[in-house]
Amino acid sequence: MNLDITQDNLYLILPSKVSRMAEMLAEDSGKSIIWAVKEVYCSDVYKRLEQESSKQWHLGPVALYQEFCAN
């Protein structure tokens, strides 16, 4: 069984990270979860997260959200 994360299978772990980041953003901003999901997917943090070579996928949603807020 191959447990390596590659560009081809990275998409499998992104939704859980994005959903948690969006929950935090919606709660902090007081806006809708739909708005927050769109903001996360359009962010520079997500652009790096979806590139396996950046290794951002190693980070948990809290660390990713902190990075999102810092930008």
PDB file of N, CA and C in Angstrom:
ATOM      1  N   MET A   1       0.843  -1.177   0.000  1.00  0.00           N
ATOM      2  CA  MET A   1       0.000   0.000   0.000  1.00  0.00           C
ATOM      3  C   MET A   1       0.894   1.249   0.000  1.00  0.00           C
ATOM      4  N   ASN A   2       0.681   2.132  -0.972  1.00  0.00           N
ATOM      5  CA  ASN A   2       1.466   3.346  -1.105  1.00  0.00           C
ATOM      6  C   ASN A   2       0.815   4.466  -0.292  1.00  0.00           C
ATOM      7  N   LEU A   3       1.533   4.994   0.694  1.00  0.00           N
ATOM      8  CA  LEU A   3       1.012   6.049   1.551  1.00  0.00           C
ATOM      9  C   LEU A   3       1.634   7.406   1.255  1.00  0.00           C
ATOM     10  N   ASP A   4       2.361   7.510   0.159  1.00  0.00           N
ATOM     11  CA  ASP A   4       3.010   8.765  -0.198  1.00  0.00           C
ATOM     12  C   ASP A   4       1.987   9.771  -0.713  1.00  0.00           C
ATOM     13  N   ILE A   5       2.172  11.023  -0.306  1.00  0.00           N
ATOM     14  CA  ILE A   5       1.358  12.104  -0.842  1.00  0.00           C
ATOM     15  C   ILE A   5       2.058  12.617  -2.094  1.00  0.00           C
ATOM     16  N   THR A   6       1.324  12.665  -3.182  1.00  0.00           N
ATOM     17  CA  THR A   6       1.839  13.153  -4.457  1.00  0.00           C
ATOM     18  C   THR A   6       0.875  14.212  -4.992  1.00  0.00           C
ATOM     19  N   GLN A   7       1.279  14.877  -6.057  1.00  0.00           N
ATOM     20  CA  GLN A   7       0.390  15.853  -6.674  1.00  0.00           C
ATOM     21  C   GLN A   7      -0.899  15.177  -7.156  1.00  0.00           C
ATOM     22  N   ASP A   8      -0.799  13.910  -7.513  1.00  0.00           N
ATOM     23  CA  ASP A   8      -1.964  13.176  -8.023  1.00  0.00           C
ATOM     24  C   ASP A   8      -2.989  12.806  -6.958  1.00  0.00           C
ATOM     25  N   ASN A   9      -2.571  12.702  -5.698  1.00  0.00           N
ATOM     26  CA  ASN A   9      -3.532  12.322  -4.654  1.00  0.00           C
ATOM     27  C   ASN A   9      -3.705  13.387  -3.567  1.00  0.00           C
ATOM     28  N   LEU A  10      -3.029  14.494  -3.709  1.00  0.00           N
ATOM     29  CA  LEU A  10      -3.104  15.574  -2.725  1.00  0.00           C
ATOM     30  C   LEU A  10      -4.536  16.068  -2.532  1.00  0.00           C
ATOM     31  N   TYR A  11      -5.305  16.069  -3.596  1.00  0.00           N
ATOM     32  CA  TYR A  11      -6.691  16.553  -3.535  1.00  0.00           C
ATOM     33  C   TYR A  11      -7.528  15.827  -2.477  1.00  0.00           C
ATOM     34  N   LEU A  12      -7.108  14.670  -2.077  1.00  0.00           N
ATOM     35  CA  LEU A  12      -7.877  13.893  -1.102  1.00  0.00           C
ATOM     36  C   LEU A  12      -7.820  14.480   0.305  1.00  0.00           C
ATOM     37  N   ILE A  13      -6.758  15.185   0.630  1.00  0.00           N
ATOM     38  CA  ILE A  13      -6.636  15.716   1.990  1.00  0.00           C
ATOM     39  C   ILE A  13      -6.981  17.201   2.099  1.00  0.00           C
ATOM     40  N   LEU A  14      -7.170  17.869   0.975  1.00  0.00           N
ATOM     41  CA  LEU A  14      -7.420  19.308   1.019  1.00  0.00           C
ATOM     42  C   LEU A  14      -8.803  19.699   1.546  1.00  0.00           C
ATOM     43  N   PRO A  15      -9.877  19.003   1.210  1.00  0.00           N
ATOM     44  CA  PRO A  15     -11.200  19.450   1.673  1.00  0.00           C
ATOM     45  C   PRO A  15     -11.337  19.580   3.187  1.00  0.00           C
ATOM     46  N   SER A  16     -10.749  18.696   3.936  1.00  0.00           N
ATOM     47  CA  SER A  16     -10.881  18.786   5.394  1.00  0.00           C
ATOM     48  C   SER A  16     -10.154  20.016   5.931  1.00  0.00           C
ATOM     49  N   LYS A  17      -9.007  20.328   5.360  1.00  0.00           N
ATOM     50  CA  LYS A  17      -8.255  21.512   5.792  1.00  0.00           C
ATOM     51  C   LYS A  17      -9.001  22.787   5.397  1.00  0.00           C
ATOM     52  N   VAL A  18      -9.513  22.817   4.189  1.00  0.00           N
ATOM     53  CA  VAL A  18     -10.247  23.991   3.710  1.00  0.00           C
ATOM     54  C   VAL A  18     -11.523  24.199   4.522  1.00  0.00           C
ATOM     55  N   SER A  19     -12.240  23.133   4.802  1.00  0.00           N
ATOM     56  CA  SER A  19     -13.497  23.293   5.536  1.00  0.00           C
ATOM     57  C   SER A  19     -13.258  23.824   6.937  1.00  0.00           C
ATOM     58  N   ARG A  20     -12.228  23.353   7.585  1.00  0.00           N
ATOM     59  CA  ARG A  20     -11.933  23.856   8.939  1.00  0.00           C
ATOM     60  C   ARG A  20     -11.481  25.301   8.894  1.00  0.00           C
ATOM     61  N   MET A  21     -10.634  25.647   7.917  1.00  0.00           N
ATOM     62  CA  MET A  21     -10.207  27.033   7.766  1.00  0.00           C
ATOM     63  C   MET A  21     -11.418  27.934   7.512  1.00  0.00           C
ATOM     64  N   ALA A  22     -12.338  27.488   6.670  1.00  0.00           N
ATOM     65  CA  ALA A  22     -13.532  28.274   6.358  1.00  0.00           C
ATOM     66  C   ALA A  22     -14.415  28.445   7.586  1.00  0.00           C
ATOM     67  N   GLU A  23     -14.529  27.414   8.400  1.00  0.00           N
ATOM     68  CA  GLU A  23     -15.313  27.524   9.634  1.00  0.00           C
ATOM     69  C   GLU A  23     -14.729  28.601  10.542  1.00  0.00           C
ATOM     70  N   MET A  24     -13.412  28.593  10.697  1.00  0.00           N
ATOM     71  CA  MET A  24     -12.770  29.592  11.543  1.00  0.00           C
ATOM     72  C   MET A  24     -12.962  30.991  10.979  1.00  0.00           C
ATOM     73  N   LEU A  25     -12.810  31.127   9.659  1.00  0.00           N
ATOM     74  CA  LEU A  25     -12.969  32.431   9.019  1.00  0.00           C
ATOM     75  C   LEU A  25     -14.400  32.940   9.158  1.00  0.00           C
ATOM     76  N   ALA A  26     -15.375  32.087   8.929  1.00  0.00           N
ATOM     77  CA  ALA A  26     -16.778  32.490   9.059  1.00  0.00           C
ATOM     78  C   ALA A  26     -17.082  32.931  10.485  1.00  0.00           C
ATOM     79  N   GLU A  27     -16.583  32.177  11.443  1.00  0.00           N
ATOM     80  CA  GLU A  27     -16.816  32.525  12.849  1.00  0.00           C
ATOM     81  C   GLU A  27     -16.153  33.848  13.201  1.00  0.00           C
ATOM     82  N   ASP A  28     -14.910  34.031  12.789  1.00  0.00           N
ATOM     83  CA  ASP A  28     -14.176  35.257  13.116  1.00  0.00           C
ATOM     84  C   ASP A  28     -14.725  36.485  12.399  1.00  0.00           C
ATOM     85  N   SER A  29     -15.228  36.300  11.186  1.00  0.00           N
ATOM     86  CA  SER A  29     -15.695  37.440  10.394  1.00  0.00           C
ATOM     87  C   SER A  29     -17.179  37.726  10.562  1.00  0.00           C
ATOM     88  N   GLY A  30     -17.932  36.732  11.044  1.00  0.00           N
ATOM     89  CA  GLY A  30     -19.373  36.896  11.163  1.00  0.00           C
ATOM     90  C   GLY A  30     -20.094  36.793   9.824  1.00  0.00           C
ATOM     91  N   LYS A  31     -19.409  36.278   8.828  1.00  0.00           N
ATOM     92  CA  LYS A  31     -20.001  36.126   7.503  1.00  0.00           C
ATOM     93  C   LYS A  31     -20.370  34.668   7.268  1.00  0.00           C
ATOM     94  N   SER A  32     -20.972  34.409   6.125  1.00  0.00           N
ATOM     95  CA  SER A  32     -21.473  33.056   5.842  1.00  0.00           C
ATOM     96  C   SER A  32     -20.341  32.071   5.544  1.00  0.00           C
ATOM     97  N   ILE A  33     -20.626  30.815   5.730  1.00  0.00           N
ATOM     98  CA  ILE A  33     -19.657  29.764   5.442  1.00  0.00           C
ATOM     99  C   ILE A  33     -19.367  29.705   3.940  1.00  0.00           C
ATOM    100  N   ILE A  34     -20.359  29.992   3.114  1.00  0.00           N
ATOM    101  CA  ILE A  34     -20.153  30.001   1.660  1.00  0.00           C
ATOM    102  C   ILE A  34     -19.141  31.079   1.285  1.00  0.00           C
ATOM    103  N   TRP A  35     -19.314  32.259   1.845  1.00  0.00           N
ATOM    104  CA  TRP A  35     -18.359  33.350   1.610  1.00  0.00           C
ATOM    105  C   TRP A  35     -16.962  32.926   2.041  1.00  0.00           C
ATOM    106  N   ALA A  36     -16.872  32.324   3.224  1.00  0.00           N
ATOM    107  CA  ALA A  36     -15.576  31.933   3.778  1.00  0.00           C
ATOM    108  C   ALA A  36     -14.892  30.874   2.917  1.00  0.00           C
ATOM    109  N   VAL A  37     -15.646  29.897   2.428  1.00  0.00           N
ATOM    110  CA  VAL A  37     -15.068  28.864   1.562  1.00  0.00           C
ATOM    111  C   VAL A  37     -14.498  29.503   0.304  1.00  0.00           C
ATOM    112  N   LYS A  38     -15.240  30.420  -0.285  1.00  0.00           N
ATOM    113  CA  LYS A  38     -14.755  31.112  -1.481  1.00  0.00           C
ATOM    114  C   LYS A  38     -13.471  31.885  -1.191  1.00  0.00           C
ATOM    115  N   GLU A  39     -13.427  32.554  -0.051  1.00  0.00           N
ATOM    116  CA  GLU A  39     -12.238  33.319   0.322  1.00  0.00           C
ATOM    117  C   GLU A  39     -11.015  32.409   0.477  1.00  0.00           C
ATOM    118  N   VAL A  40     -11.205  31.274   1.103  1.00  0.00           N
ATOM    119  CA  VAL A  40     -10.094  30.336   1.296  1.00  0.00           C
ATOM    120  C   VAL A  40      -9.610  29.808  -0.047  1.00  0.00           C
ATOM    121  N   TYR A  41     -10.534  29.364  -0.895  1.00  0.00           N
ATOM    122  CA  TYR A  41     -10.139  28.805  -2.188  1.00  0.00           C
ATOM    123  C   TYR A  41      -9.474  29.842  -3.099  1.00  0.00           C
ATOM    124  N   CYS A  42      -9.774  31.107  -2.913  1.00  0.00           N
ATOM    125  CA  CYS A  42      -9.170  32.162  -3.745  1.00  0.00           C
ATOM    126  C   CYS A  42      -7.879  32.731  -3.152  1.00  0.00           C
ATOM    127  N   SER A  43      -7.464  32.232  -2.023  1.00  0.00           N
ATOM    128  CA  SER A  43      -6.318  32.804  -1.312  1.00  0.00           C
ATOM    129  C   SER A  43      -4.976  32.277  -1.811  1.00  0.00           C
ATOM    130  N   ASP A  44      -3.945  33.039  -1.521  1.00  0.00           N
ATOM    131  CA  ASP A  44      -2.580  32.607  -1.821  1.00  0.00           C
ATOM    132  C   ASP A  44      -2.203  31.377  -0.997  1.00  0.00           C
ATOM    133  N   VAL A  45      -2.733  31.285   0.213  1.00  0.00           N
ATOM    134  CA  VAL A  45      -2.458  30.119   1.054  1.00  0.00           C
ATOM    135  C   VAL A  45      -2.948  28.856   0.357  1.00  0.00           C
ATOM    136  N   TYR A  46      -4.143  28.904  -0.218  1.00  0.00           N
ATOM    137  CA  TYR A  46      -4.656  27.726  -0.917  1.00  0.00           C
ATOM    138  C   TYR A  46      -3.837  27.421  -2.164  1.00  0.00           C
ATOM    139  N   LYS A  47      -3.406  28.449  -2.870  1.00  0.00           N
ATOM    140  CA  LYS A  47      -2.591  28.221  -4.069  1.00  0.00           C
ATOM    141  C   LYS A  47      -1.316  27.459  -3.718  1.00  0.00           C
ATOM    142  N   ARG A  48      -0.724  27.799  -2.577  1.00  0.00           N
ATOM    143  CA  ARG A  48       0.467  27.058  -2.133  1.00  0.00           C
ATOM    144  C   ARG A  48       0.090  25.676  -1.611  1.00  0.00           C
ATOM    145  N   LEU A  49      -1.029  25.590  -0.904  1.00  0.00           N
ATOM    146  CA  LEU A  49      -1.474  24.323  -0.326  1.00  0.00           C
ATOM    147  C   LEU A  49      -1.731  23.279  -1.399  1.00  0.00           C
ATOM    148  N   GLU A  50      -2.261  23.686  -2.541  1.00  0.00           N
ATOM    149  CA  GLU A  50      -2.586  22.714  -3.577  1.00  0.00           C
ATOM    150  C   GLU A  50      -1.371  22.264  -4.390  1.00  0.00           C
ATOM    151  N   GLN A  51      -0.214  22.806  -4.086  1.00  0.00           N
ATOM    152  CA  GLN A  51       1.027  22.378  -4.737  1.00  0.00           C
ATOM    153  C   GLN A  51       1.789  21.453  -3.787  1.00  0.00           C
ATOM    154  N   GLU A  52       1.865  20.204  -4.104  1.00  0.00           N
ATOM    155  CA  GLU A  52       2.522  19.225  -3.232  1.00  0.00           C
ATOM    156  C   GLU A  52       3.944  19.653  -2.907  1.00  0.00           C
ATOM    157  N   SER A  53       4.632  20.243  -3.849  1.00  0.00           N
ATOM    158  CA  SER A  53       6.040  20.617  -3.658  1.00  0.00           C
ATOM    159  C   SER A  53       6.238  21.673  -2.577  1.00  0.00           C
ATOM    160  N   SER A  54       5.196  22.430  -2.245  1.00  0.00           N
ATOM    161  CA  SER A  54       5.316  23.448  -1.196  1.00  0.00           C
ATOM    162  C   SER A  54       5.341  22.831   0.202  1.00  0.00           C
ATOM    163  N   LYS A  55       4.842  21.606   0.314  1.00  0.00           N
ATOM    164  CA  LYS A  55       4.747  20.871   1.585  1.00  0.00           C
ATOM    165  C   LYS A  55       3.836  21.567   2.595  1.00  0.00           C
ATOM    166  N   GLN A  56       3.021  22.523   2.147  1.00  0.00           N
ATOM    167  CA  GLN A  56       2.062  23.186   3.028  1.00  0.00           C
ATOM    168  C   GLN A  56       1.035  22.201   3.577  1.00  0.00           C
ATOM    169  N   TRP A  57       0.810  21.119   2.866  1.00  0.00           N
ATOM    170  CA  TRP A  57      -0.178  20.128   3.313  1.00  0.00           C
ATOM    171  C   TRP A  57       0.227  19.464   4.610  1.00  0.00           C
ATOM    172  N   HIS A  58       1.494  19.613   5.007  1.00  0.00           N
ATOM    173  CA  HIS A  58       1.939  19.101   6.303  1.00  0.00           C
ATOM    174  C   HIS A  58       1.322  19.887   7.459  1.00  0.00           C
ATOM    175  N   LEU A  59       0.956  21.138   7.201  1.00  0.00           N
ATOM    176  CA  LEU A  59       0.424  21.997   8.250  1.00  0.00           C
ATOM    177  C   LEU A  59      -1.032  21.662   8.546  1.00  0.00           C
ATOM    178  N   GLY A  60      -1.413  21.860   9.784  1.00  0.00           N
ATOM    179  CA  GLY A  60      -2.806  21.663  10.167  1.00  0.00           C
ATOM    180  C   GLY A  60      -3.635  22.883   9.809  1.00  0.00           C
ATOM    181  N   PRO A  61      -4.951  22.771   9.905  1.00  0.00           N
ATOM    182  CA  PRO A  61      -5.824  23.879   9.533  1.00  0.00           C
ATOM    183  C   PRO A  61      -5.626  25.136  10.378  1.00  0.00           C
ATOM    184  N   VAL A  62      -5.258  24.992  11.642  1.00  0.00           N
ATOM    185  CA  VAL A  62      -5.051  26.170  12.490  1.00  0.00           C
ATOM    186  C   VAL A  62      -3.830  26.949  12.005  1.00  0.00           C
ATOM    187  N   ALA A  63      -2.743  26.267  11.733  1.00  0.00           N
ATOM    188  CA  ALA A  63      -1.539  26.933  11.231  1.00  0.00           C
ATOM    189  C   ALA A  63      -1.801  27.567   9.865  1.00  0.00           C
ATOM    190  N   LEU A  64      -2.533  26.870   9.023  1.00  0.00           N
ATOM    191  CA  LEU A  64      -2.870  27.423   7.707  1.00  0.00           C
ATOM    192  C   LEU A  64      -3.760  28.650   7.856  1.00  0.00           C
ATOM    193  N   TYR A  65      -4.692  28.615   8.785  1.00  0.00           N
ATOM    194  CA  TYR A  65      -5.576  29.767   9.010  1.00  0.00           C
ATOM    195  C   TYR A  65      -4.776  30.957   9.545  1.00  0.00           C
ATOM    196  N   GLN A  66      -3.835  30.703  10.421  1.00  0.00           N
ATOM    197  CA  GLN A  66      -3.000  31.791  10.919  1.00  0.00           C
ATOM    198  C   GLN A  66      -2.208  32.420   9.781  1.00  0.00           C
ATOM    199  N   GLU A  67      -1.707  31.609   8.895  1.00  0.00           N
ATOM    200  CA  GLU A  67      -1.001  32.125   7.716  1.00  0.00           C
ATOM    201  C   GLU A  67      -1.952  32.911   6.828  1.00  0.00           C
ATOM    202  N   PHE A  68      -3.160  32.394   6.652  1.00  0.00           N
ATOM    203  CA  PHE A  68      -4.185  33.083   5.856  1.00  0.00           C
ATOM    204  C   PHE A  68      -4.466  34.467   6.439  1.00  0.00           C
ATOM    205  N   CYS A  69      -4.610  34.553   7.750  1.00  0.00           N
ATOM    206  CA  CYS A  69      -4.911  35.825   8.412  1.00  0.00           C
ATOM    207  C   CYS A  69      -3.742  36.805   8.357  1.00  0.00           C
ATOM    208  N   ALA A  70      -2.536  36.285   8.296  1.00  0.00           N
ATOM    209  CA  ALA A  70      -1.354  37.136   8.260  1.00  0.00           C
ATOM    210  C   ALA A  70      -1.170  37.799   6.896  1.00  0.00           C
ATOM    211  N   ASN A  71      -1.782  37.232   5.870  1.00  0.00           N
ATOM    212  CA  ASN A  71      -1.625  37.794   4.508  1.00  0.00           C
ATOM    213  C   ASN A  71      -2.670  38.824   4.218  1.00  0.00           C
TER     214      ASN A  71
END
